[in-house]
Amino acid sequence: MEFTTALRTTLLTSLADWYNRANDNEQQQRLSRVLEVVQDLKTLPTLLAAQPMTFILDLACLASRRGYLKLDKWLTDKLREHQVNQNKFFLFDLFSTLLSILIITLQNVLIMTNYHFIRIFIMLFKTFCL
């Protein structure tokens, strides 16, 4: 059992590293392939509990678009879980990642049309600012 857990962790870490080493043009293709592998192995929840946050958010949004994940529920559960554990790092990582994505998008003079990221911002704003 411990060997299986270690092997799974190694595989999932390798997939995240493989995705992160890609240039911008390759990242979406690699993310799609990672999601296919993760779905075949039935380990999406395990990978979504890992790091780095940028990779996890990208994967969660793609999984949501393909109908494998309810993004609102996943994000609410993650926020609740980290609130109970008084873990401020998840929230900080989440905000900094989303802010980085927004800044990069604005620097490239693109309109942010990714519906899932907009939903995340609205949900976080409602949760922590109202």
C-alpha atoms as a PDB file:
ATOM      1  CA  MET A   1       0.000   0.000   0.000  1.00  0.00           C
ATOM      2  CA  GLU A   2       2.795   2.454   0.878  1.00  0.00           C
ATOM      3  CA  PHE A   3       4.572   1.583  -2.373  1.00  0.00           C
ATOM      4  CA  THR A   4       1.411   2.329  -4.366  1.00  0.00           C
ATOM      5  CA  THR A   5       0.988   5.687  -2.631  1.00  0.00           C
ATOM      6  CA  ALA A   6       4.627   6.614  -3.252  1.00  0.00           C
ATOM      7  CA  LEU A   7       4.385   5.558  -6.895  1.00  0.00           C
ATOM      8  CA  ARG A   8       1.193   7.547  -7.395  1.00  0.00           C
ATOM      9  CA  THR A   9       2.731  10.621  -5.756  1.00  0.00           C
ATOM     10  CA  THR A  10       5.812  10.332  -7.966  1.00  0.00           C
ATOM     11  CA  LEU A  11       3.706   9.951 -11.097  1.00  0.00           C
ATOM     12  CA  LEU A  12       1.479  12.916 -10.266  1.00  0.00           C
ATOM     13  CA  THR A  13       4.472  15.094  -9.398  1.00  0.00           C
ATOM     14  CA  SER A  14       6.100  14.133 -12.687  1.00  0.00           C
ATOM     15  CA  LEU A  15       2.975  15.055 -14.639  1.00  0.00           C
ATOM     16  CA  ALA A  16       2.861  18.481 -12.976  1.00  0.00           C
ATOM     17  CA  ASP A  17       6.563  19.029 -13.689  1.00  0.00           C
ATOM     18  CA  TRP A  18       6.123  17.956 -17.317  1.00  0.00           C
ATOM     19  CA  TYR A  19       3.288  20.464 -17.712  1.00  0.00           C
ATOM     20  CA  ASN A  20       5.241  23.289 -16.052  1.00  0.00           C
ATOM     21  CA  ARG A  21       8.302  22.782 -18.273  1.00  0.00           C
ATOM     22  CA  ALA A  22       6.292  23.382 -21.450  1.00  0.00           C
ATOM     23  CA  ASN A  23       6.265  26.679 -23.258  1.00  0.00           C
ATOM     24  CA  ASP A  24       2.998  28.591 -23.514  1.00  0.00           C
ATOM     25  CA  ASN A  25       2.056  26.979 -26.827  1.00  0.00           C
ATOM     26  CA  GLU A  26       2.516  23.442 -25.506  1.00  0.00           C
ATOM     27  CA  GLN A  27       0.952  23.890 -22.076  1.00  0.00           C
ATOM     28  CA  GLN A  28      -2.672  23.452 -23.163  1.00  0.00           C
ATOM     29  CA  GLN A  29      -1.837  20.277 -25.091  1.00  0.00           C
ATOM     30  CA  ARG A  30       0.082  18.900 -22.143  1.00  0.00           C
ATOM     31  CA  LEU A  31      -2.659  19.863 -19.708  1.00  0.00           C
ATOM     32  CA  SER A  32      -5.183  17.976 -21.838  1.00  0.00           C
ATOM     33  CA  ARG A  33      -2.939  14.925 -21.849  1.00  0.00           C
ATOM     34  CA  VAL A  34      -2.401  15.142 -18.079  1.00  0.00           C
ATOM     35  CA  LEU A  35      -6.163  15.296 -17.548  1.00  0.00           C
ATOM     36  CA  GLU A  36      -6.647  12.229 -19.769  1.00  0.00           C
ATOM     37  CA  VAL A  37      -4.047  10.254 -17.805  1.00  0.00           C
ATOM     38  CA  VAL A  38      -5.436  11.388 -14.455  1.00  0.00           C
ATOM     39  CA  GLN A  39      -8.966  10.461 -15.522  1.00  0.00           C
ATOM     40  CA  ASP A  40      -7.780   7.022 -16.693  1.00  0.00           C
ATOM     41  CA  LEU A  41      -6.077   6.473 -13.329  1.00  0.00           C
ATOM     42  CA  LYS A  42      -9.072   7.942 -11.455  1.00  0.00           C
ATOM     43  CA  THR A  43      -6.772  10.200  -9.456  1.00  0.00           C
ATOM     44  CA  LEU A  44      -8.147  13.668 -10.238  1.00  0.00           C
ATOM     45  CA  PRO A  45      -9.021  14.426  -6.570  1.00  0.00           C
ATOM     46  CA  THR A  46      -5.517  13.371  -5.486  1.00  0.00           C
ATOM     47  CA  LEU A  47      -3.830  15.597  -8.033  1.00  0.00           C
ATOM     48  CA  LEU A  48      -6.108  18.537  -7.243  1.00  0.00           C
ATOM     49  CA  ALA A  49      -4.903  18.337  -3.632  1.00  0.00           C
ATOM     50  CA  ALA A  50      -1.285  18.813  -4.726  1.00  0.00           C
ATOM     51  CA  GLN A  51       0.886  21.763  -5.686  1.00  0.00           C
ATOM     52  CA  PRO A  52       1.798  24.021  -7.537  1.00  0.00           C
ATOM     53  CA  MET A  53      -1.315  26.139  -7.451  1.00  0.00           C
ATOM     54  CA  THR A  54      -1.118  27.438 -11.048  1.00  0.00           C
ATOM     55  CA  PHE A  55      -1.093  23.890 -12.380  1.00  0.00           C
ATOM     56  CA  ILE A  56      -3.918  22.829 -10.078  1.00  0.00           C
ATOM     57  CA  LEU A  57      -6.146  25.760 -11.078  1.00  0.00           C
ATOM     58  CA  ASP A  58      -5.476  25.172 -14.768  1.00  0.00           C
ATOM     59  CA  LEU A  59      -6.280  21.485 -14.356  1.00  0.00           C
ATOM     60  CA  ALA A  60      -9.407  22.188 -12.302  1.00  0.00           C
ATOM     61  CA  CYS A  61     -10.718  24.638 -14.915  1.00  0.00           C
ATOM     62  CA  LEU A  62     -10.082  22.188 -17.755  1.00  0.00           C
ATOM     63  CA  ALA A  63     -11.696  19.348 -15.793  1.00  0.00           C
ATOM     64  CA  SER A  64     -14.702  21.588 -15.166  1.00  0.00           C
ATOM     65  CA  ARG A  65     -15.011  22.509 -18.846  1.00  0.00           C
ATOM     66  CA  ARG A  66     -14.982  18.812 -19.728  1.00  0.00           C
ATOM     67  CA  GLY A  67     -17.571  17.972 -17.082  1.00  0.00           C
ATOM     68  CA  TYR A  68     -15.265  15.989 -14.769  1.00  0.00           C
ATOM     69  CA  LEU A  69     -15.435  18.471 -11.908  1.00  0.00           C
ATOM     70  CA  LYS A  70     -17.913  20.939 -10.442  1.00  0.00           C
ATOM     71  CA  LEU A  71     -15.579  23.893 -10.050  1.00  0.00           C
ATOM     72  CA  ASP A  72     -17.781  25.856  -7.627  1.00  0.00           C
ATOM     73  CA  LYS A  73     -18.150  22.883  -5.301  1.00  0.00           C
ATOM     74  CA  TRP A  74     -14.439  21.991  -5.483  1.00  0.00           C
ATOM     75  CA  LEU A  75     -13.370  25.547  -4.709  1.00  0.00           C
ATOM     76  CA  THR A  76     -15.905  25.905  -1.896  1.00  0.00           C
ATOM     77  CA  ASP A  77     -14.733  22.613  -0.373  1.00  0.00           C
ATOM     78  CA  LYS A  78     -11.075  23.655  -0.645  1.00  0.00           C
ATOM     79  CA  LEU A  79     -11.760  27.022   0.971  1.00  0.00           C
ATOM     80  CA  ARG A  80     -13.786  25.406   3.741  1.00  0.00           C
ATOM     81  CA  GLU A  81     -11.115  22.740   4.327  1.00  0.00           C
ATOM     82  CA  HIS A  82      -8.355  25.309   4.605  1.00  0.00           C
ATOM     83  CA  GLN A  83     -10.479  27.600   6.755  1.00  0.00           C
ATOM     84  CA  VAL A  84     -11.099  24.767   9.226  1.00  0.00           C
ATOM     85  CA  ASN A  85      -7.380  23.966   9.276  1.00  0.00           C
ATOM     86  CA  GLN A  86      -6.630  27.699   9.572  1.00  0.00           C
ATOM     87  CA  ASN A  87      -4.340  27.351   6.585  1.00  0.00           C
ATOM     88  CA  LYS A  88      -3.945  30.792   5.073  1.00  0.00           C
ATOM     89  CA  PHE A  89      -1.399  29.571   2.510  1.00  0.00           C
ATOM     90  CA  PHE A  90      -4.036  28.075   0.210  1.00  0.00           C
ATOM     91  CA  LEU A  91      -5.950  31.340   0.075  1.00  0.00           C
ATOM     92  CA  PHE A  92      -2.749  33.325  -0.444  1.00  0.00           C
ATOM     93  CA  ASP A  93      -1.624  30.934  -3.196  1.00  0.00           C
ATOM     94  CA  LEU A  94      -5.033  31.079  -4.818  1.00  0.00           C
ATOM     95  CA  PHE A  95      -5.194  34.882  -4.837  1.00  0.00           C
ATOM     96  CA  SER A  96      -1.600  35.292  -5.989  1.00  0.00           C
ATOM     97  CA  THR A  97      -2.073  32.764  -8.783  1.00  0.00           C
ATOM     98  CA  LEU A  98      -5.278  34.369  -9.990  1.00  0.00           C
ATOM     99  CA  LEU A  99      -3.712  37.816  -9.758  1.00  0.00           C
ATOM    100  CA  SER A 100      -0.704  36.616 -11.765  1.00  0.00           C
ATOM    101  CA  ILE A 101      -2.997  35.212 -14.427  1.00  0.00           C
ATOM    102  CA  LEU A 102      -4.931  38.468 -14.560  1.00  0.00           C
ATOM    103  CA  ILE A 103      -1.770  40.575 -14.803  1.00  0.00           C
ATOM    104  CA  ILE A 104      -0.323  38.402 -17.562  1.00  0.00           C
ATOM    105  CA  THR A 105      -3.609  38.543 -19.420  1.00  0.00           C
ATOM    106  CA  LEU A 106      -3.803  42.310 -19.108  1.00  0.00           C
ATOM    107  CA  GLN A 107      -0.148  42.733 -20.097  1.00  0.00           C
ATOM    108  CA  ASN A 108      -0.845  40.850 -23.291  1.00  0.00           C
ATOM    109  CA  VAL A 109      -3.813  43.190 -23.920  1.00  0.00           C
ATOM    110  CA  LEU A 110      -6.206  40.265 -24.016  1.00  0.00           C
ATOM    111  CA  ILE A 111      -9.714  40.350 -22.685  1.00  0.00           C
ATOM    112  CA  MET A 112     -10.139  37.850 -19.891  1.00  0.00           C
ATOM    113  CA  THR A 113     -12.816  35.593 -21.300  1.00  0.00           C
ATOM    114  CA  ASN A 114     -12.121  32.473 -19.287  1.00  0.00           C
ATOM    115  CA  TYR A 115     -15.477  32.078 -17.580  1.00  0.00           C
ATOM    116  CA  HIS A 116     -14.125  29.774 -14.879  1.00  0.00           C
ATOM    117  CA  PHE A 117     -11.529  32.255 -13.633  1.00  0.00           C
ATOM    118  CA  ILE A 118     -14.141  35.002 -13.556  1.00  0.00           C
ATOM    119  CA  ARG A 119     -16.422  32.714 -11.503  1.00  0.00           C
ATOM    120  CA  ILE A 120     -13.571  32.039  -9.067  1.00  0.00           C
ATOM    121  CA  PHE A 121     -12.946  35.764  -8.590  1.00  0.00           C
ATOM    122  CA  ILE A 122     -16.639  36.481  -8.012  1.00  0.00           C
ATOM    123  CA  MET A 123     -16.951  33.617  -5.551  1.00  0.00           C
ATOM    124  CA  LEU A 124     -13.871  34.679  -3.597  1.00  0.00           C
ATOM    125  CA  PHE A 125     -15.055  38.274  -3.523  1.00  0.00           C
ATOM    126  CA  LYS A 126     -18.464  37.247  -2.179  1.00  0.00           C
ATOM    127  CA  THR A 127     -16.908  34.918   0.384  1.00  0.00           C
ATOM    128  CA  PHE A 128     -14.287  37.239   1.829  1.00  0.00           C
ATOM    129  CA  CYS A 129     -15.321  40.776   1.009  1.00  0.00           C
ATOM    130  CA  LEU A 130     -19.050  40.909   1.620  1.00  0.00           C
END
